[in-house]
Amino acid sequence: MPRGRYSLHDLHDHTPLGEEHFHCAPGPSGWRYVSQTTAPSGDHAGSVDLAIDELGRPIRLELHAASWQIRGAAIDGVTWVRTDPTGGDATEGNAPAHAFTGTSPSFLVATARLLGLTPGSPATRLRLVAFTDPVLAPRTVDQSWALLKSEAHATDNGPLMVDEYQVSALDTGEQYAVHIAGDVVLAAPGIELEHLETPPSVFS
């Protein structure tokens, strides 16, 4: 069960946004990721609890940030309920999308699992519902993912297979690289892996 810490940064000016302390593990029904986020001051900022099935579909998502809450799952596309800080106003949403995304590195791992790409295969387009910080506002985004290469890197614990993806934002044309090993993001825009206690899990 990998445990570790990511640092999160603003994509444009690299301002520190805080840290995400996580643990994750594959299980008989898929994969689960749980984390607590902290602000740059060290104060608690929110949490992520994401479970996907063996095909990468989100079977449960629970997000907390700034007292806002999201509960969602893959139902008729994706469906979610967004609750305000007072707890008195809950709004249900639905979109014909494949999965969820957001600032957490967990969403990158989940999307890679959902697509199941092989090196050299054509880029695959998908629609995601993104929850934007700090109020978890939903926004539909279209992306294209391609697996450029998978390479083995030598480590103290044996070879580590690293997948390099090229992700394109179809609304802006922006492209960026995402490096994933098993169920851990090694590098991505705005994300740095600062500490990892145990090696990434290997998906079957």
C-alpha atoms as a PDB file:
ATOM      1  CA  MET A   1       0.000   0.000   0.000  1.00  0.00           C
ATOM      2  CA  PRO A   2       1.854   3.104  -1.208  1.00  0.00           C
ATOM      3  CA  ARG A   3       1.887   6.009   1.225  1.00  0.00           C
ATOM      4  CA  GLY A   4       3.407   9.349   0.492  1.00  0.00           C
ATOM      5  CA  ARG A   5       3.097  13.061  -0.037  1.00  0.00           C
ATOM      6  CA  TYR A   6       2.585  15.232  -3.084  1.00  0.00           C
ATOM      7  CA  SER A   7       3.203  18.968  -3.240  1.00  0.00           C
ATOM      8  CA  LEU A   8       0.734  20.960  -5.339  1.00  0.00           C
ATOM      9  CA  HIS A   9       1.593  24.149  -7.225  1.00  0.00           C
ATOM     10  CA  ASP A  10      -0.228  26.732  -9.314  1.00  0.00           C
ATOM     11  CA  LEU A  11       0.126  25.812 -12.996  1.00  0.00           C
ATOM     12  CA  HIS A  12       0.909  29.374 -14.084  1.00  0.00           C
ATOM     13  CA  ASP A  13       3.111  31.034 -11.466  1.00  0.00           C
ATOM     14  CA  HIS A  14       4.135  27.928  -9.444  1.00  0.00           C
ATOM     15  CA  THR A  15       2.770  29.364  -6.215  1.00  0.00           C
ATOM     16  CA  PRO A  16       2.588  26.569  -3.587  1.00  0.00           C
ATOM     17  CA  LEU A  17      -0.996  25.433  -3.075  1.00  0.00           C
ATOM     18  CA  GLY A  18      -0.295  22.951  -0.296  1.00  0.00           C
ATOM     19  CA  GLU A  19       0.299  19.235   0.075  1.00  0.00           C
ATOM     20  CA  GLU A  20      -1.648  16.020  -0.307  1.00  0.00           C
ATOM     21  CA  HIS A  21      -0.855  13.163   2.089  1.00  0.00           C
ATOM     22  CA  PHE A  22      -2.131   9.930   0.580  1.00  0.00           C
ATOM     23  CA  HIS A  23      -2.341   6.169   0.723  1.00  0.00           C
ATOM     24  CA  CYS A  24      -3.773   3.915  -1.959  1.00  0.00           C
ATOM     25  CA  ALA A  25      -4.046   0.251  -2.840  1.00  0.00           C
ATOM     26  CA  PRO A  26      -5.584  -2.089  -5.408  1.00  0.00           C
ATOM     27  CA  GLY A  27      -8.222  -4.484  -4.121  1.00  0.00           C
ATOM     28  CA  PRO A  28     -10.501  -7.249  -5.360  1.00  0.00           C
ATOM     29  CA  SER A  29     -12.945  -4.761  -6.867  1.00  0.00           C
ATOM     30  CA  GLY A  30     -10.513  -2.173  -8.243  1.00  0.00           C
ATOM     31  CA  TRP A  31      -8.440   0.574  -6.573  1.00  0.00           C
ATOM     32  CA  ARG A  32      -8.948   3.036  -3.739  1.00  0.00           C
ATOM     33  CA  TYR A  33      -7.167   6.294  -2.949  1.00  0.00           C
ATOM     34  CA  VAL A  34      -7.576   8.266   0.286  1.00  0.00           C
ATOM     35  CA  SER A  35      -5.851  11.547   1.101  1.00  0.00           C
ATOM     36  CA  GLN A  36      -5.863  14.626   3.296  1.00  0.00           C
ATOM     37  CA  THR A  37      -4.880  17.984   1.844  1.00  0.00           C
ATOM     38  CA  THR A  38      -3.197  20.812   3.715  1.00  0.00           C
ATOM     39  CA  ALA A  39      -2.806  24.482   2.864  1.00  0.00           C
ATOM     40  CA  PRO A  40       0.680  26.077   2.589  1.00  0.00           C
ATOM     41  CA  SER A  41       0.186  27.175   6.223  1.00  0.00           C
ATOM     42  CA  GLY A  42      -0.175  23.534   7.235  1.00  0.00           C
ATOM     43  CA  ASP A  43      -3.863  23.875   8.090  1.00  0.00           C
ATOM     44  CA  HIS A  44      -6.279  21.153   7.002  1.00  0.00           C
ATOM     45  CA  ALA A  45      -7.779  22.045   3.610  1.00  0.00           C
ATOM     46  CA  GLY A  46      -9.812  19.043   2.508  1.00  0.00           C
ATOM     47  CA  SER A  47      -9.856  15.366   1.647  1.00  0.00           C
ATOM     48  CA  VAL A  48     -10.233  12.923  -1.236  1.00  0.00           C
ATOM     49  CA  ASP A  49     -11.740   9.432  -1.181  1.00  0.00           C
ATOM     50  CA  LEU A  50     -11.883   7.835  -4.623  1.00  0.00           C
ATOM     51  CA  ALA A  51     -12.702   4.219  -5.485  1.00  0.00           C
ATOM     52  CA  ILE A  52     -12.687   2.852  -9.037  1.00  0.00           C
ATOM     53  CA  ASP A  53     -13.638  -0.586 -10.323  1.00  0.00           C
ATOM     54  CA  GLU A  54     -11.338  -2.916 -12.257  1.00  0.00           C
ATOM     55  CA  LEU A  55     -12.195  -1.050 -15.483  1.00  0.00           C
ATOM     56  CA  GLY A  56     -11.300   2.332 -14.011  1.00  0.00           C
ATOM     57  CA  ARG A  57     -14.863   3.602 -13.606  1.00  0.00           C
ATOM     58  CA  PRO A  58     -15.545   5.739 -10.504  1.00  0.00           C
ATOM     59  CA  ILE A  59     -17.776   3.722  -8.200  1.00  0.00           C
ATOM     60  CA  ARG A  60     -17.463   6.249  -5.346  1.00  0.00           C
ATOM     61  CA  LEU A  61     -16.047   9.733  -5.009  1.00  0.00           C
ATOM     62  CA  GLU A  62     -16.126  11.942  -1.934  1.00  0.00           C
ATOM     63  CA  LEU A  63     -14.381  15.319  -1.969  1.00  0.00           C
ATOM     64  CA  HIS A  64     -14.175  17.941   0.760  1.00  0.00           C
ATOM     65  CA  ALA A  65     -12.750  21.456   0.345  1.00  0.00           C
ATOM     66  CA  ALA A  66     -13.493  24.731   2.126  1.00  0.00           C
ATOM     67  CA  SER A  67     -16.504  23.051   3.791  1.00  0.00           C
ATOM     68  CA  TRP A  68     -17.970  22.152   0.376  1.00  0.00           C
ATOM     69  CA  GLN A  69     -18.632  18.489  -0.334  1.00  0.00           C
ATOM     70  CA  ILE A  70     -19.004  16.343  -3.443  1.00  0.00           C
ATOM     71  CA  ARG A  71     -20.371  12.807  -3.546  1.00  0.00           C
ATOM     72  CA  GLY A  72     -20.357  11.160  -6.945  1.00  0.00           C
ATOM     73  CA  ALA A  73     -20.285   7.954  -8.977  1.00  0.00           C
ATOM     74  CA  ALA A  74     -20.569   6.656 -12.526  1.00  0.00           C
ATOM     75  CA  ILE A  75     -24.353   6.540 -12.938  1.00  0.00           C
ATOM     76  CA  ASP A  76     -25.941   7.492 -16.301  1.00  0.00           C
ATOM     77  CA  GLY A  77     -22.608   9.003 -17.286  1.00  0.00           C
ATOM     78  CA  VAL A  78     -21.465  10.589 -14.046  1.00  0.00           C
ATOM     79  CA  THR A  79     -23.740  11.868 -11.297  1.00  0.00           C
ATOM     80  CA  TRP A  80     -22.863  13.916  -8.236  1.00  0.00           C
ATOM     81  CA  VAL A  81     -24.350  15.857  -5.345  1.00  0.00           C
ATOM     82  CA  ARG A  82     -22.669  19.118  -4.285  1.00  0.00           C
ATOM     83  CA  THR A  83     -23.405  20.355  -0.768  1.00  0.00           C
ATOM     84  CA  ASP A  84     -22.685  23.898   0.428  1.00  0.00           C
ATOM     85  CA  PRO A  85     -20.851  24.722   3.684  1.00  0.00           C
ATOM     86  CA  THR A  86     -24.109  25.242   5.599  1.00  0.00           C
ATOM     87  CA  GLY A  87     -25.274  21.742   4.667  1.00  0.00           C
ATOM     88  CA  GLY A  88     -28.667  23.170   3.795  1.00  0.00           C
ATOM     89  CA  ASP A  89     -28.350  23.344   0.010  1.00  0.00           C
ATOM     90  CA  ALA A  90     -27.542  20.192  -1.961  1.00  0.00           C
ATOM     91  CA  THR A  91     -27.470  20.369  -5.758  1.00  0.00           C
ATOM     92  CA  GLU A  92     -27.503  17.268  -7.937  1.00  0.00           C
ATOM     93  CA  GLY A  93     -25.662  17.211 -11.231  1.00  0.00           C
ATOM     94  CA  ASN A  94     -25.298  14.780 -14.108  1.00  0.00           C
ATOM     95  CA  ALA A  95     -23.245  14.801 -17.299  1.00  0.00           C
ATOM     96  CA  PRO A  96     -22.631  12.393 -20.187  1.00  0.00           C
ATOM     97  CA  ALA A  97     -18.979  12.062 -19.183  1.00  0.00           C
ATOM     98  CA  HIS A  98     -16.618   9.133 -18.610  1.00  0.00           C
ATOM     99  CA  ALA A  99     -15.247  10.045 -15.172  1.00  0.00           C
ATOM    100  CA  PHE A 100     -14.254  12.832 -12.770  1.00  0.00           C
ATOM    101  CA  THR A 101     -11.107  14.915 -12.486  1.00  0.00           C
ATOM    102  CA  GLY A 102      -9.660  17.650 -10.277  1.00  0.00           C
ATOM    103  CA  THR A 103      -6.450  18.807  -8.652  1.00  0.00           C
ATOM    104  CA  SER A 104      -5.734  15.514  -6.872  1.00  0.00           C
ATOM    105  CA  PRO A 105      -3.132  13.246  -8.535  1.00  0.00           C
ATOM    106  CA  SER A 106      -5.534  10.361  -7.930  1.00  0.00           C
ATOM    107  CA  PHE A 107      -7.620  11.456 -10.908  1.00  0.00           C
ATOM    108  CA  LEU A 108      -4.658  11.038 -13.268  1.00  0.00           C
ATOM    109  CA  VAL A 109      -4.118   7.445 -12.118  1.00  0.00           C
ATOM    110  CA  ALA A 110      -7.844   6.725 -12.407  1.00  0.00           C
ATOM    111  CA  THR A 111      -8.037   8.168 -15.929  1.00  0.00           C
ATOM    112  CA  ALA A 112      -5.021   6.126 -17.044  1.00  0.00           C
ATOM    113  CA  ARG A 113      -6.695   2.983 -15.660  1.00  0.00           C
ATOM    114  CA  LEU A 114      -9.956   3.851 -17.390  1.00  0.00           C
ATOM    115  CA  LEU A 115      -8.299   4.241 -20.791  1.00  0.00           C
ATOM    116  CA  GLY A 116      -5.990   1.210 -20.615  1.00  0.00           C
ATOM    117  CA  LEU A 117      -3.788   2.546 -23.412  1.00  0.00           C
ATOM    118  CA  THR A 118      -0.841   0.786 -25.010  1.00  0.00           C
ATOM    119  CA  PRO A 119       2.292   2.524 -26.334  1.00  0.00           C
ATOM    120  CA  GLY A 120       1.852   3.716 -29.880  1.00  0.00           C
ATOM    121  CA  SER A 121      -1.923   3.363 -29.909  1.00  0.00           C
ATOM    122  CA  PRO A 122      -3.923   6.340 -31.219  1.00  0.00           C
ATOM    123  CA  ALA A 123      -4.786   9.127 -28.829  1.00  0.00           C
ATOM    124  CA  THR A 124      -8.116   8.619 -27.075  1.00  0.00           C
ATOM    125  CA  ARG A 125     -10.573  11.412 -26.446  1.00  0.00           C
ATOM    126  CA  LEU A 126     -12.688  11.522 -23.314  1.00  0.00           C
ATOM    127  CA  ARG A 127     -14.980  13.867 -21.414  1.00  0.00           C
ATOM    128  CA  LEU A 128     -14.488  14.495 -17.707  1.00  0.00           C
ATOM    129  CA  VAL A 129     -16.268  16.504 -15.042  1.00  0.00           C
ATOM    130  CA  ALA A 130     -13.697  18.593 -13.185  1.00  0.00           C
ATOM    131  CA  PHE A 131     -14.311  19.930  -9.687  1.00  0.00           C
ATOM    132  CA  THR A 132     -12.392  23.176  -9.302  1.00  0.00           C
ATOM    133  CA  ASP A 133     -10.978  24.434  -6.024  1.00  0.00           C
ATOM    134  CA  PRO A 134     -11.770  25.952  -3.635  1.00  0.00           C
ATOM    135  CA  VAL A 135     -15.567  25.536  -3.905  1.00  0.00           C
ATOM    136  CA  LEU A 136     -15.656  22.300  -5.944  1.00  0.00           C
ATOM    137  CA  ALA A 137     -17.576  23.879  -8.798  1.00  0.00           C
ATOM    138  CA  PRO A 138     -18.262  21.334 -11.581  1.00  0.00           C
ATOM    139  CA  ARG A 139     -16.968  21.995 -15.095  1.00  0.00           C
ATOM    140  CA  THR A 140     -17.011  19.663 -18.101  1.00  0.00           C
ATOM    141  CA  VAL A 141     -13.666  19.295 -19.901  1.00  0.00           C
ATOM    142  CA  ASP A 142     -12.630  17.368 -23.005  1.00  0.00           C
ATOM    143  CA  GLN A 143      -9.173  15.811 -23.121  1.00  0.00           C
ATOM    144  CA  SER A 144      -7.122  13.578 -25.362  1.00  0.00           C
ATOM    145  CA  TRP A 145      -4.705  11.025 -23.882  1.00  0.00           C
ATOM    146  CA  ALA A 146      -1.907   9.107 -25.613  1.00  0.00           C
ATOM    147  CA  LEU A 147       0.592   6.692 -24.041  1.00  0.00           C
ATOM    148  CA  LEU A 148       3.906   7.690 -25.591  1.00  0.00           C
ATOM    149  CA  LYS A 149       6.116   5.041 -23.984  1.00  0.00           C
ATOM    150  CA  SER A 150       6.593   2.643 -21.083  1.00  0.00           C
ATOM    151  CA  GLU A 151      10.124   2.316 -19.771  1.00  0.00           C
ATOM    152  CA  ALA A 152      11.706   0.307 -16.968  1.00  0.00           C
ATOM    153  CA  HIS A 153      13.822   2.337 -14.539  1.00  0.00           C
ATOM    154  CA  ALA A 154      16.251   0.666 -12.141  1.00  0.00           C
ATOM    155  CA  THR A 155      15.542   1.176  -8.424  1.00  0.00           C
ATOM    156  CA  ASP A 156      16.718  -0.354  -5.151  1.00  0.00           C
ATOM    157  CA  ASN A 157      13.586  -2.518  -5.213  1.00  0.00           C
ATOM    158  CA  GLY A 158      14.036  -3.726  -8.782  1.00  0.00           C
ATOM    159  CA  PRO A 159      12.808  -2.334 -12.106  1.00  0.00           C
ATOM    160  CA  LEU A 160      10.064   0.282 -11.957  1.00  0.00           C
ATOM    161  CA  MET A 161       7.857   0.601 -15.040  1.00  0.00           C
ATOM    162  CA  VAL A 162       7.074   4.232 -15.820  1.00  0.00           C
ATOM    163  CA  ASP A 163       4.376   5.258 -18.311  1.00  0.00           C
ATOM    164  CA  GLU A 164       4.662   8.621 -20.067  1.00  0.00           C
ATOM    165  CA  TYR A 165       1.351  10.062 -21.258  1.00  0.00           C
ATOM    166  CA  GLN A 166       0.702  13.077 -23.431  1.00  0.00           C
ATOM    167  CA  VAL A 167      -2.479  14.839 -22.364  1.00  0.00           C
ATOM    168  CA  SER A 168      -4.110  17.488 -24.536  1.00  0.00           C
ATOM    169  CA  ALA A 169      -6.786  19.940 -23.420  1.00  0.00           C
ATOM    170  CA  LEU A 170      -9.091  20.045 -26.424  1.00  0.00           C
ATOM    171  CA  ASP A 171     -10.550  23.466 -25.593  1.00  0.00           C
ATOM    172  CA  THR A 172      -7.178  25.259 -25.499  1.00  0.00           C
ATOM    173  CA  GLY A 173      -4.856  22.936 -27.411  1.00  0.00           C
ATOM    174  CA  GLU A 174      -2.462  22.890 -24.441  1.00  0.00           C
ATOM    175  CA  GLN A 175      -0.390  19.705 -24.169  1.00  0.00           C
ATOM    176  CA  TYR A 176       1.516  18.367 -21.189  1.00  0.00           C
ATOM    177  CA  ALA A 177       3.238  15.208 -19.989  1.00  0.00           C
ATOM    178  CA  VAL A 178       2.138  12.953 -17.132  1.00  0.00           C
ATOM    179  CA  HIS A 179       4.466  10.270 -15.732  1.00  0.00           C
ATOM    180  CA  ILE A 180       2.825   7.431 -13.780  1.00  0.00           C
ATOM    181  CA  ALA A 181       4.336   4.336 -12.159  1.00  0.00           C
ATOM    182  CA  GLY A 182       1.700   1.838 -11.081  1.00  0.00           C
ATOM    183  CA  ASP A 183      -0.687   3.839  -8.924  1.00  0.00           C
ATOM    184  CA  VAL A 184       1.630   6.765  -8.168  1.00  0.00           C
ATOM    185  CA  VAL A 185       2.080   9.963 -10.187  1.00  0.00           C
ATOM    186  CA  LEU A 186       5.799  10.685 -10.466  1.00  0.00           C
ATOM    187  CA  ALA A 187       5.437  14.033 -12.239  1.00  0.00           C
ATOM    188  CA  ALA A 188       2.700  16.141 -13.808  1.00  0.00           C
ATOM    189  CA  PRO A 189       1.961  19.858 -14.172  1.00  0.00           C
ATOM    190  CA  GLY A 190       1.435  21.347 -10.739  1.00  0.00           C
ATOM    191  CA  ILE A 191       2.238  18.032  -9.018  1.00  0.00           C
ATOM    192  CA  GLU A 192       5.495  16.815  -7.478  1.00  0.00           C
ATOM    193  CA  LEU A 193       5.974  13.559  -5.582  1.00  0.00           C
ATOM    194  CA  GLU A 194       7.889  14.645  -2.490  1.00  0.00           C
ATOM    195  CA  HIS A 195       7.933  11.425  -0.471  1.00  0.00           C
ATOM    196  CA  LEU A 196       6.993   7.775  -0.986  1.00  0.00           C
ATOM    197  CA  GLU A 197       7.277   5.223   1.807  1.00  0.00           C
ATOM    198  CA  THR A 198       6.646   2.068  -0.229  1.00  0.00           C
ATOM    199  CA  PRO A 199       6.910   1.257  -3.958  1.00  0.00           C
ATOM    200  CA  PRO A 200       3.913   1.824  -6.221  1.00  0.00           C
ATOM    201  CA  SER A 201       1.414  -1.006  -6.558  1.00  0.00           C
ATOM    202  CA  VAL A 202       1.533  -3.003  -9.777  1.00  0.00           C
ATOM    203  CA  PHE A 203      -1.830  -3.386 -11.461  1.00  0.00           C
ATOM    204  CA  SER A 204      -2.604  -6.797 -12.934  1.00  0.00           C
END
